[in-house]
Amino acid sequence: MGLGQAEFARVIGCSLPALWAAEKGTTAKPAAILRGLQQLGYNTTPLAERYARWRAEMLIDERLRLRIALKSEGRGQPPPVKA
């Protein structure tokens, strides 16, 4: 499209932090972005579905990486309870 992030956010009517959150997957549903794209004539249903799948897969991957990291540090189990 040839637009920078700030200009793209301005054109679709969302904040730059909202755009960044969507890019990072830290928002469950990027409503402002989808609404802005819809107002420009885009069919946002497939985009919203792809985003939801991508985000779910990303969260699974992050949890797996965390489990592996904790196991490699010997922290795969909670600390023992002292009696």
N, C-alpha and C. Protein backbone atom coordinates (compact mmCIF):
# COMPACT_ATOMS: atom_id res chain seq x y z
N MET A 1 0.83 -1.20 0.00
CA MET A 1 0.00 0.00 0.00
C MET A 1 0.87 1.25 0.00
N GLY A 2 2.08 1.15 0.47
CA GLY A 2 2.96 2.30 0.46
C GLY A 2 2.73 3.29 1.58
N LEU A 3 2.02 2.89 2.63
CA LEU A 3 1.76 3.78 3.76
C LEU A 3 2.61 3.34 4.95
N GLY A 4 3.07 4.31 5.71
CA GLY A 4 3.73 4.00 6.97
C GLY A 4 2.68 3.62 8.01
N GLN A 5 3.13 3.12 9.13
CA GLN A 5 2.19 2.71 10.17
C GLN A 5 1.31 3.85 10.66
N ALA A 6 1.91 4.97 10.95
CA ALA A 6 1.15 6.10 11.48
C ALA A 6 0.11 6.59 10.47
N GLU A 7 0.50 6.66 9.21
CA GLU A 7 -0.45 7.11 8.19
C GLU A 7 -1.56 6.09 7.99
N PHE A 8 -1.22 4.80 7.99
CA PHE A 8 -2.23 3.75 7.85
C PHE A 8 -3.23 3.84 9.01
N ALA A 9 -2.72 3.98 10.24
CA ALA A 9 -3.60 4.09 11.41
C ALA A 9 -4.52 5.31 11.27
N ARG A 10 -3.96 6.42 10.82
CA ARG A 10 -4.77 7.64 10.67
C ARG A 10 -5.86 7.43 9.61
N VAL A 11 -5.50 6.81 8.49
CA VAL A 11 -6.46 6.61 7.39
C VAL A 11 -7.62 5.72 7.82
N ILE A 12 -7.33 4.67 8.58
CA ILE A 12 -8.43 3.78 8.97
C ILE A 12 -9.10 4.21 10.28
N GLY A 13 -8.57 5.24 10.90
CA GLY A 13 -9.22 5.81 12.08
C GLY A 13 -8.97 5.07 13.38
N CYS A 14 -7.79 4.49 13.52
CA CYS A 14 -7.45 3.85 14.80
C CYS A 14 -6.17 4.47 15.33
N SER A 15 -5.89 4.20 16.57
CA SER A 15 -4.66 4.75 17.16
C SER A 15 -3.48 3.89 16.74
N LEU A 16 -2.32 4.49 16.78
CA LEU A 16 -1.09 3.76 16.48
C LEU A 16 -0.86 2.64 17.50
N PRO A 17 -1.08 2.87 18.80
CA PRO A 17 -0.95 1.76 19.76
C PRO A 17 -1.91 0.60 19.47
N ALA A 18 -3.12 0.90 18.98
CA ALA A 18 -4.06 -0.17 18.63
C ALA A 18 -3.52 -0.98 17.46
N LEU A 19 -2.91 -0.31 16.51
CA LEU A 19 -2.32 -1.01 15.37
C LEU A 19 -1.14 -1.88 15.84
N TRP A 20 -0.30 -1.34 16.70
CA TRP A 20 0.84 -2.10 17.23
C TRP A 20 0.36 -3.33 18.00
N ALA A 21 -0.69 -3.16 18.80
CA ALA A 21 -1.22 -4.29 19.59
C ALA A 21 -1.72 -5.39 18.66
N ALA A 22 -2.37 -5.01 17.58
CA ALA A 22 -2.86 -6.01 16.62
C ALA A 22 -1.69 -6.71 15.95
N GLU A 23 -0.65 -5.96 15.61
CA GLU A 23 0.52 -6.56 14.96
C GLU A 23 1.22 -7.55 15.89
N LYS A 24 1.22 -7.27 17.18
CA LYS A 24 1.87 -8.15 18.15
C LYS A 24 0.95 -9.28 18.60
N GLY A 25 -0.34 -9.16 18.33
CA GLY A 25 -1.29 -10.17 18.75
C GLY A 25 -1.71 -10.03 20.20
N THR A 26 -1.52 -8.85 20.77
CA THR A 26 -1.86 -8.67 22.18
C THR A 26 -3.30 -8.21 22.40
N THR A 27 -4.06 -8.08 21.34
CA THR A 27 -5.47 -7.77 21.46
C THR A 27 -6.27 -8.91 20.86
N ALA A 28 -7.31 -9.34 21.57
CA ALA A 28 -8.09 -10.49 21.10
C ALA A 28 -8.82 -10.19 19.80
N LYS A 29 -9.35 -8.98 19.68
CA LYS A 29 -10.06 -8.62 18.46
C LYS A 29 -9.75 -7.16 18.14
N PRO A 30 -9.03 -6.91 17.07
CA PRO A 30 -8.68 -5.53 16.72
C PRO A 30 -9.87 -4.78 16.11
N ALA A 31 -10.85 -4.47 16.94
CA ALA A 31 -12.12 -3.92 16.47
C ALA A 31 -11.95 -2.61 15.69
N ALA A 32 -11.13 -1.70 16.18
CA ALA A 32 -10.97 -0.40 15.51
C ALA A 32 -10.37 -0.59 14.12
N ILE A 33 -9.43 -1.51 14.00
CA ILE A 33 -8.79 -1.75 12.71
C ILE A 33 -9.77 -2.39 11.75
N LEU A 34 -10.49 -3.39 12.22
CA LEU A 34 -11.48 -4.05 11.37
C LEU A 34 -12.58 -3.08 10.93
N ARG A 35 -13.01 -2.24 11.86
CA ARG A 35 -14.06 -1.26 11.54
C ARG A 35 -13.55 -0.28 10.48
N GLY A 36 -12.32 0.18 10.63
CA GLY A 36 -11.76 1.12 9.65
C GLY A 36 -11.60 0.49 8.28
N LEU A 37 -11.13 -0.75 8.23
CA LEU A 37 -10.99 -1.43 6.95
C LEU A 37 -12.35 -1.68 6.30
N GLN A 38 -13.33 -2.01 7.13
CA GLN A 38 -14.69 -2.24 6.60
C GLN A 38 -15.24 -0.95 5.99
N GLN A 39 -14.98 0.18 6.61
CA GLN A 39 -15.43 1.46 6.08
C GLN A 39 -14.76 1.80 4.75
N LEU A 40 -13.58 1.21 4.51
CA LEU A 40 -12.89 1.41 3.23
C LEU A 40 -13.36 0.41 2.16
N GLY A 41 -14.28 -0.47 2.55
CA GLY A 41 -14.85 -1.40 1.58
C GLY A 41 -14.29 -2.81 1.64
N TYR A 42 -13.43 -3.10 2.59
CA TYR A 42 -12.87 -4.45 2.71
C TYR A 42 -13.85 -5.37 3.41
N ASN A 43 -13.90 -6.62 2.96
CA ASN A 43 -14.66 -7.65 3.66
C ASN A 43 -13.77 -8.13 4.80
N THR A 44 -14.09 -7.76 6.01
CA THR A 44 -13.20 -8.03 7.14
C THR A 44 -13.45 -9.38 7.81
N THR A 45 -14.51 -10.08 7.43
CA THR A 45 -14.80 -11.37 8.07
C THR A 45 -13.66 -12.36 7.90
N PRO A 46 -13.14 -12.58 6.67
CA PRO A 46 -12.03 -13.52 6.54
C PRO A 46 -10.77 -13.03 7.28
N LEU A 47 -10.55 -11.74 7.28
CA LEU A 47 -9.39 -11.18 7.98
C LEU A 47 -9.51 -11.42 9.48
N ALA A 48 -10.69 -11.19 10.04
CA ALA A 48 -10.90 -11.41 11.48
C ALA A 48 -10.71 -12.89 11.83
N GLU A 49 -11.18 -13.79 10.96
CA GLU A 49 -11.02 -15.22 11.22
C GLU A 49 -9.56 -15.62 11.16
N ARG A 50 -8.82 -15.12 10.17
CA ARG A 50 -7.39 -15.44 10.06
C ARG A 50 -6.62 -14.88 11.25
N TYR A 51 -6.97 -13.67 11.67
CA TYR A 51 -6.31 -13.06 12.82
C TYR A 51 -6.53 -13.91 14.07
N ALA A 52 -7.77 -14.35 14.29
CA ALA A 52 -8.08 -15.16 15.47
C ALA A 52 -7.29 -16.47 15.45
N ARG A 53 -7.19 -17.12 14.28
CA ARG A 53 -6.42 -18.37 14.18
C ARG A 53 -4.94 -18.11 14.43
N TRP A 54 -4.41 -17.05 13.80
CA TRP A 54 -3.00 -16.70 13.97
C TRP A 54 -2.69 -16.43 15.44
N ARG A 55 -3.56 -15.66 16.09
CA ARG A 55 -3.33 -15.30 17.49
C ARG A 55 -3.37 -16.53 18.39
N ALA A 56 -4.33 -17.42 18.16
CA ALA A 56 -4.44 -18.65 18.95
C ALA A 56 -3.19 -19.51 18.77
N GLU A 57 -2.73 -19.64 17.53
CA GLU A 57 -1.52 -20.42 17.27
C GLU A 57 -0.30 -19.79 17.92
N MET A 58 -0.23 -18.48 17.88
CA MET A 58 0.89 -17.77 18.47
C MET A 58 0.91 -17.98 19.99
N LEU A 59 -0.26 -17.93 20.62
CA LEU A 59 -0.31 -18.14 22.07
C LEU A 59 0.10 -19.56 22.45
N ILE A 60 -0.31 -20.54 21.66
CA ILE A 60 0.09 -21.92 21.90
C ILE A 60 1.61 -22.04 21.78
N ASP A 61 2.17 -21.45 20.75
CA ASP A 61 3.62 -21.48 20.56
C ASP A 61 4.36 -20.81 21.72
N GLU A 62 3.85 -19.68 22.19
CA GLU A 62 4.49 -18.97 23.30
C GLU A 62 4.45 -19.82 24.57
N ARG A 63 3.31 -20.48 24.82
CA ARG A 63 3.21 -21.33 26.01
C ARG A 63 4.17 -22.50 25.92
N LEU A 64 4.30 -23.08 24.74
CA LEU A 64 5.22 -24.20 24.55
C LEU A 64 6.66 -23.74 24.79
N ARG A 65 7.04 -22.59 24.24
CA ARG A 65 8.39 -22.07 24.47
C ARG A 65 8.65 -21.81 25.95
N LEU A 66 7.64 -21.31 26.66
CA LEU A 66 7.77 -21.06 28.09
C LEU A 66 7.97 -22.37 28.85
N ARG A 67 7.18 -23.40 28.50
CA ARG A 67 7.34 -24.70 29.16
C ARG A 67 8.74 -25.26 28.95
N ILE A 68 9.23 -25.17 27.73
CA ILE A 68 10.57 -25.67 27.41
C ILE A 68 11.62 -24.89 28.20
N ALA A 69 11.48 -23.58 28.24
CA ALA A 69 12.44 -22.75 28.98
C ALA A 69 12.42 -23.09 30.46
N LEU A 70 11.23 -23.27 31.03
CA LEU A 70 11.14 -23.59 32.46
C LEU A 70 11.75 -24.96 32.76
N LYS A 71 11.51 -25.92 31.88
CA LYS A 71 12.09 -27.25 32.08
C LYS A 71 13.61 -27.21 31.98
N SER A 72 14.13 -26.42 31.05
CA SER A 72 15.59 -26.34 30.90
C SER A 72 16.24 -25.68 32.11
N GLU A 73 15.50 -24.87 32.83
CA GLU A 73 16.01 -24.24 34.05
C GLU A 73 15.73 -25.09 35.28
N GLY A 74 15.09 -26.24 35.08
CA GLY A 74 14.73 -27.09 36.22
C GLY A 74 13.55 -26.55 36.99
N ARG A 75 12.78 -25.71 36.36
CA ARG A 75 11.64 -25.09 37.04
C ARG A 75 10.33 -25.60 36.45
N GLY A 76 10.32 -26.84 35.96
CA GLY A 76 9.13 -27.38 35.34
C GLY A 76 8.03 -27.73 36.33
N GLN A 77 8.37 -27.78 37.61
CA GLN A 77 7.41 -28.12 38.64
C GLN A 77 7.31 -26.96 39.63
N PRO A 78 6.17 -26.83 40.28
CA PRO A 78 6.08 -25.76 41.30
C PRO A 78 7.00 -26.08 42.46
N PRO A 79 7.40 -25.07 43.22
CA PRO A 79 8.29 -25.32 44.37
C PRO A 79 7.60 -26.21 45.39
N PRO A 80 8.38 -27.02 46.11
CA PRO A 80 7.78 -27.91 47.11
C PRO A 80 7.19 -27.09 48.27
N VAL A 81 6.14 -27.65 48.86
CA VAL A 81 5.49 -27.01 49.99
C VAL A 81 6.24 -27.41 51.26
N LYS A 82 6.60 -26.44 52.07
CA LYS A 82 7.31 -26.70 53.33
C LYS A 82 6.30 -27.04 54.41
N ALA A 83 6.58 -28.08 55.13
CA ALA A 83 5.66 -28.51 56.19
C ALA A 83 5.98 -27.86 57.50
